[in-house]
């Protein structure tokens, strides 16, 4: 295997099993590794249930592809895959992983989705959006862009607030009111960190805010993944959610 020593010397955010069965080192805790495995299991279940063997003729897009952990699974099953990652170090690491697996059906872009030239992007049958939107100060713009690229399925995972909100507010004057469905919470982020956002401000959605935004973007069916036999504790406590969004 090419560059195996470089792969094994590096501390990864994910634990990759290389083609020869050796696993890479990771500096993540057991809890974080379990989160990665659950996300991967859900992704593979969705691919099998909604695409099956047809995936080999279809396309996928991984937004926030990071070190390529989930992009790798997509590339093993789909005809073509695009990966978008803003962090240059993670982007470079993912290219080494794909090289080790001999995969040549991946188009990698080192940028954030909102800055990528439109001509570089292709519509995809499956768009994956894991662990990104709660690191952004403008999550709705990214959701809108992701939705515009998903011809059929968007698989979304994010931290969420542990409460929903329904209310009415004055709209223009006291005689006119509108409904408030959901809320976004302001959280400080660390743009200098490996897994940090782009700025020091992030907006984290409530569950009903996510549903309202995704419905407005044309997804007619939104299903919360609730596989109690394999879920990590954050999903039990409604601090994280995976949503399967279908047009």
Protein backbone atom coordinates (compact mmCIF):
# COMPACT_ATOMS: atom_id res chain seq x y z
CA UNK A 1 0.00 0.00 0.00
CA UNK A 2 1.34 3.42 -0.95
CA UNK A 3 2.23 5.87 1.85
CA UNK A 4 1.15 3.47 4.60
CA UNK A 5 3.71 4.79 7.09
CA UNK A 6 2.43 8.36 6.69
CA UNK A 7 -1.13 7.14 7.24
CA UNK A 8 -0.22 5.17 10.36
CA UNK A 9 1.96 7.92 11.89
CA UNK A 10 -0.82 10.50 11.74
CA UNK A 11 -3.40 11.04 14.49
CA UNK A 12 -6.75 11.06 12.69
CA UNK A 13 -10.14 12.35 13.76
CA UNK A 14 -11.61 9.10 12.42
CA UNK A 15 -10.49 5.51 12.77
CA UNK A 16 -10.02 4.18 9.24
CA UNK A 17 -9.63 0.50 8.51
CA UNK A 18 -7.14 0.36 5.65
CA UNK A 19 -7.38 -2.22 2.82
CA UNK A 20 -4.87 -4.47 4.62
CA UNK A 21 -6.99 -4.47 7.80
CA UNK A 22 -4.73 -2.16 9.83
CA UNK A 23 -6.53 0.71 11.59
CA UNK A 24 -5.29 4.27 11.76
CA UNK A 25 -4.66 6.01 15.08
CA UNK A 26 -7.26 8.47 16.33
CA UNK A 27 -7.14 11.03 19.10
CA UNK A 28 -10.91 10.84 19.64
CA UNK A 29 -12.58 9.34 22.70
CA UNK A 30 -14.60 6.13 22.62
CA UNK A 31 -17.79 8.19 22.72
CA UNK A 32 -16.83 10.15 19.62
CA UNK A 33 -15.80 6.96 17.81
CA UNK A 34 -19.22 5.48 18.60
CA UNK A 35 -20.82 8.60 17.13
CA UNK A 36 -18.83 8.11 13.92
CA UNK A 37 -19.87 4.46 13.71
CA UNK A 38 -23.55 5.29 14.25
CA UNK A 39 -23.47 7.98 11.56
CA UNK A 40 -21.79 5.49 9.20
CA UNK A 41 -24.37 2.78 9.96
CA UNK A 42 -27.24 5.17 9.26
CA UNK A 43 -25.64 6.28 5.99
CA UNK A 44 -25.20 2.69 4.78
CA UNK A 45 -28.78 1.82 5.79
CA UNK A 46 -30.13 4.81 3.85
CA UNK A 47 -28.09 3.93 0.76
CA UNK A 48 -29.35 0.35 0.83
CA UNK A 49 -32.99 1.27 1.52
CA UNK A 50 -33.33 4.13 -0.96
CA UNK A 51 -30.82 3.32 -3.72
CA UNK A 52 -29.75 -0.30 -3.41
CA UNK A 53 -27.76 -1.67 -6.34
CA UNK A 54 -28.76 1.36 -8.45
CA UNK A 55 -26.26 3.48 -6.50
CA UNK A 56 -23.46 2.28 -8.77
CA UNK A 57 -25.02 4.38 -11.55
CA UNK A 58 -25.81 7.42 -9.39
CA UNK A 59 -24.01 10.36 -7.76
CA UNK A 60 -23.43 11.66 -4.24
CA UNK A 61 -22.15 14.84 -2.62
CA UNK A 62 -20.49 15.06 0.81
CA UNK A 63 -20.61 18.59 2.23
CA UNK A 64 -18.00 19.02 4.94
CA UNK A 65 -16.15 15.88 3.85
CA UNK A 66 -13.41 16.41 6.48
CA UNK A 67 -10.87 13.53 6.36
CA UNK A 68 -13.07 11.54 3.98
CA UNK A 69 -14.53 8.98 6.39
CA UNK A 70 -18.05 9.14 4.93
CA UNK A 71 -16.91 10.18 1.45
CA UNK A 72 -15.03 6.88 1.33
CA UNK A 73 -18.24 4.91 1.96
CA UNK A 74 -20.04 6.90 -0.72
CA UNK A 75 -17.26 6.33 -3.25
CA UNK A 76 -17.39 2.56 -2.66
CA UNK A 77 -21.07 2.53 -3.67
CA UNK A 78 -21.82 5.46 -6.02
CA UNK A 79 -20.58 6.01 -9.55
CA UNK A 80 -19.32 9.52 -8.81
CA UNK A 81 -18.83 11.52 -5.62
CA UNK A 82 -17.99 15.14 -4.88
CA UNK A 83 -16.50 16.12 -1.54
CA UNK A 84 -16.27 19.69 -0.25
CA UNK A 85 -14.03 20.53 2.72
CA UNK A 86 -12.87 23.97 3.89
CA UNK A 87 -10.00 22.83 6.14
CA UNK A 88 -6.85 22.45 4.03
CA UNK A 89 -5.20 19.93 6.39
CA UNK A 90 -8.25 17.66 6.48
CA UNK A 91 -8.66 18.02 2.72
CA UNK A 92 -5.05 16.92 2.15
CA UNK A 93 -5.44 13.99 4.55
CA UNK A 94 -8.55 12.76 2.77
CA UNK A 95 -6.69 12.65 -0.56
CA UNK A 96 -4.12 10.32 1.04
CA UNK A 97 -6.89 8.03 2.28
CA UNK A 98 -8.55 7.83 -1.14
CA UNK A 99 -5.18 7.14 -2.73
CA UNK A 100 -4.63 4.25 -0.30
CA UNK A 101 -7.93 2.72 -1.41
CA UNK A 102 -7.19 3.34 -5.09
CA UNK A 103 -10.40 5.34 -5.59
CA UNK A 104 -10.57 7.60 -8.63
CA UNK A 105 -14.29 8.48 -8.72
CA UNK A 106 -14.04 11.37 -6.22
CA UNK A 107 -13.88 15.05 -7.13
CA UNK A 108 -12.53 16.95 -4.10
CA UNK A 109 -12.97 20.68 -3.61
CA UNK A 110 -11.08 22.60 -0.91
CA UNK A 111 -13.55 25.35 -0.06
CA UNK A 112 -16.78 25.97 1.80
CA UNK A 113 -20.03 25.32 -0.03
CA UNK A 114 -21.18 28.93 -0.12
CA UNK A 115 -17.93 30.06 -1.80
CA UNK A 116 -17.63 27.35 -4.44
CA UNK A 117 -18.16 28.43 -8.04
CA UNK A 118 -21.50 27.16 -9.27
CA UNK A 119 -19.86 25.56 -12.30
CA UNK A 120 -17.85 23.23 -10.03
CA UNK A 121 -20.93 21.71 -8.43
CA UNK A 122 -23.19 18.99 -9.76
CA UNK A 123 -26.65 17.90 -8.71
CA UNK A 124 -26.47 14.67 -6.71
CA UNK A 125 -28.91 11.87 -6.01
CA UNK A 126 -27.76 11.83 -2.37
CA UNK A 127 -26.42 14.86 -0.51
CA UNK A 128 -24.73 14.17 2.83
CA UNK A 129 -24.56 16.98 5.37
CA UNK A 130 -23.11 15.58 8.58
CA UNK A 131 -21.95 17.78 11.45
CA UNK A 132 -21.76 21.08 9.57
CA UNK A 133 -24.68 23.43 10.07
CA UNK A 134 -24.27 23.91 13.82
CA UNK A 135 -20.81 25.37 13.14
CA UNK A 136 -22.16 28.21 10.96
CA UNK A 137 -23.41 31.72 11.58
CA UNK A 138 -25.64 31.41 8.50
CA UNK A 139 -26.93 27.80 8.52
CA UNK A 140 -30.03 28.61 6.48
CA UNK A 141 -28.00 29.74 3.45
CA UNK A 142 -26.02 26.52 3.53
CA UNK A 143 -29.17 24.43 3.92
CA UNK A 144 -30.68 26.26 0.94
CA UNK A 145 -27.59 25.55 -1.17
CA UNK A 146 -27.49 21.89 -0.09
CA UNK A 147 -31.19 21.49 -0.86
CA UNK A 148 -30.70 22.97 -4.33
CA UNK A 149 -28.08 20.29 -5.06
CA UNK A 150 -30.13 17.33 -3.80
CA UNK A 151 -32.20 15.87 -6.62
CA UNK A 152 -33.81 13.34 -4.32
CA UNK A 153 -32.33 12.72 -0.84
CA UNK A 154 -30.64 14.91 1.76
CA UNK A 155 -29.23 13.14 4.83
CA UNK A 156 -28.61 15.71 7.55
CA UNK A 157 -26.98 15.36 10.98
CA UNK A 158 -26.54 18.16 13.48
CA UNK A 159 -26.47 19.18 17.10
CA UNK A 160 -29.78 20.74 18.12
CA UNK A 161 -31.13 22.78 20.99
CA UNK A 162 -32.82 20.72 23.69
CA UNK A 163 -36.09 22.66 23.37
CA UNK A 164 -38.54 23.81 20.71
CA UNK A 165 -40.42 27.10 20.62
CA UNK A 166 -43.80 28.18 19.28
CA UNK A 167 -44.94 31.78 19.66
CA UNK A 168 -46.47 34.80 17.95
CA UNK A 169 -44.76 38.12 17.26
CA UNK A 170 -45.97 41.49 16.08
CA UNK A 171 -45.30 41.91 12.37
CA UNK A 172 -45.05 45.53 11.37
CA UNK A 173 -47.56 46.70 13.96
CA UNK A 174 -49.52 45.30 16.90
CA UNK A 175 -52.57 44.51 14.75
CA UNK A 176 -50.61 42.07 12.58
CA UNK A 177 -48.95 38.97 13.98
CA UNK A 178 -47.01 36.01 12.61
CA UNK A 179 -46.23 32.58 14.00
CA UNK A 180 -42.73 31.74 15.17
CA UNK A 181 -41.82 28.12 14.50
CA UNK A 182 -38.56 27.13 16.13
CA UNK A 183 -35.49 29.08 17.16
CA UNK A 184 -31.73 29.23 16.54
CA UNK A 185 -29.43 29.57 19.56
CA UNK A 186 -26.26 31.69 19.45
CA UNK A 187 -23.18 29.65 20.47
CA UNK A 188 -19.48 30.56 20.48
CA UNK A 189 -17.30 28.53 18.08
CA UNK A 190 -13.54 28.07 17.57
CA UNK A 191 -12.60 28.78 13.93
CA UNK A 192 -8.95 27.98 14.66
CA UNK A 193 -9.77 24.42 15.81
CA UNK A 194 -9.59 21.40 13.50
CA UNK A 195 -13.33 20.79 13.84
CA UNK A 196 -14.28 24.42 14.41
CA UNK A 197 -16.53 26.63 12.32
CA UNK A 198 -15.65 29.48 10.00
CA UNK A 199 -16.25 32.27 12.53
CA UNK A 200 -16.52 32.67 16.29
CA UNK A 201 -20.34 32.65 16.08
CA UNK A 202 -22.57 29.66 15.35
CA UNK A 203 -26.35 29.25 15.27
CA UNK A 204 -27.71 25.93 16.54
CA UNK A 205 -31.29 25.05 15.49
CA UNK A 206 -34.17 23.64 17.46
CA UNK A 207 -35.83 20.56 16.02
CA UNK A 208 -38.96 22.35 14.85
CA UNK A 209 -36.85 25.10 13.26
CA UNK A 210 -35.13 22.44 11.15
CA UNK A 211 -38.43 20.93 10.08
CA UNK A 212 -39.84 24.34 9.15
CA UNK A 213 -36.78 25.31 7.09
CA UNK A 214 -36.53 21.95 5.30
CA UNK A 215 -40.25 21.94 4.48
CA UNK A 216 -39.88 25.41 3.00
CA UNK A 217 -37.03 24.10 0.83
CA UNK A 218 -39.20 21.49 -0.83
CA UNK A 219 -38.68 18.29 1.15
CA UNK A 220 -42.08 16.63 1.42
CA UNK A 221 -40.97 13.79 3.71
CA UNK A 222 -38.69 14.36 6.69
CA UNK A 223 -37.96 11.38 8.93
CA UNK A 224 -36.06 11.46 12.20
CA UNK A 225 -33.76 8.45 12.48
CA UNK A 226 -34.51 6.73 15.78
CA UNK A 227 -32.84 3.35 15.84
CA UNK A 228 -32.80 2.81 19.60
CA UNK A 229 -30.71 -0.37 19.36
CA UNK A 230 -27.69 1.50 17.97
CA UNK A 231 -28.13 5.16 18.91
CA UNK A 232 -25.49 7.12 20.84
CA UNK A 233 -26.46 8.91 24.02
CA UNK A 234 -26.72 12.37 22.45
CA UNK A 235 -29.43 11.08 20.14
CA UNK A 236 -31.32 9.54 23.09
CA UNK A 237 -31.30 12.92 24.83
CA UNK A 238 -32.32 14.87 21.71
CA UNK A 239 -29.05 16.80 21.62
CA UNK A 240 -28.26 15.48 18.13
CA UNK A 241 -30.51 14.38 15.29
CA UNK A 242 -30.22 12.67 11.92
CA UNK A 243 -32.95 13.63 9.46
CA UNK A 244 -33.69 11.80 6.22
CA UNK A 245 -35.20 14.37 3.85
CA UNK A 246 -36.84 13.21 0.61
CA UNK A 247 -38.36 15.25 -2.19
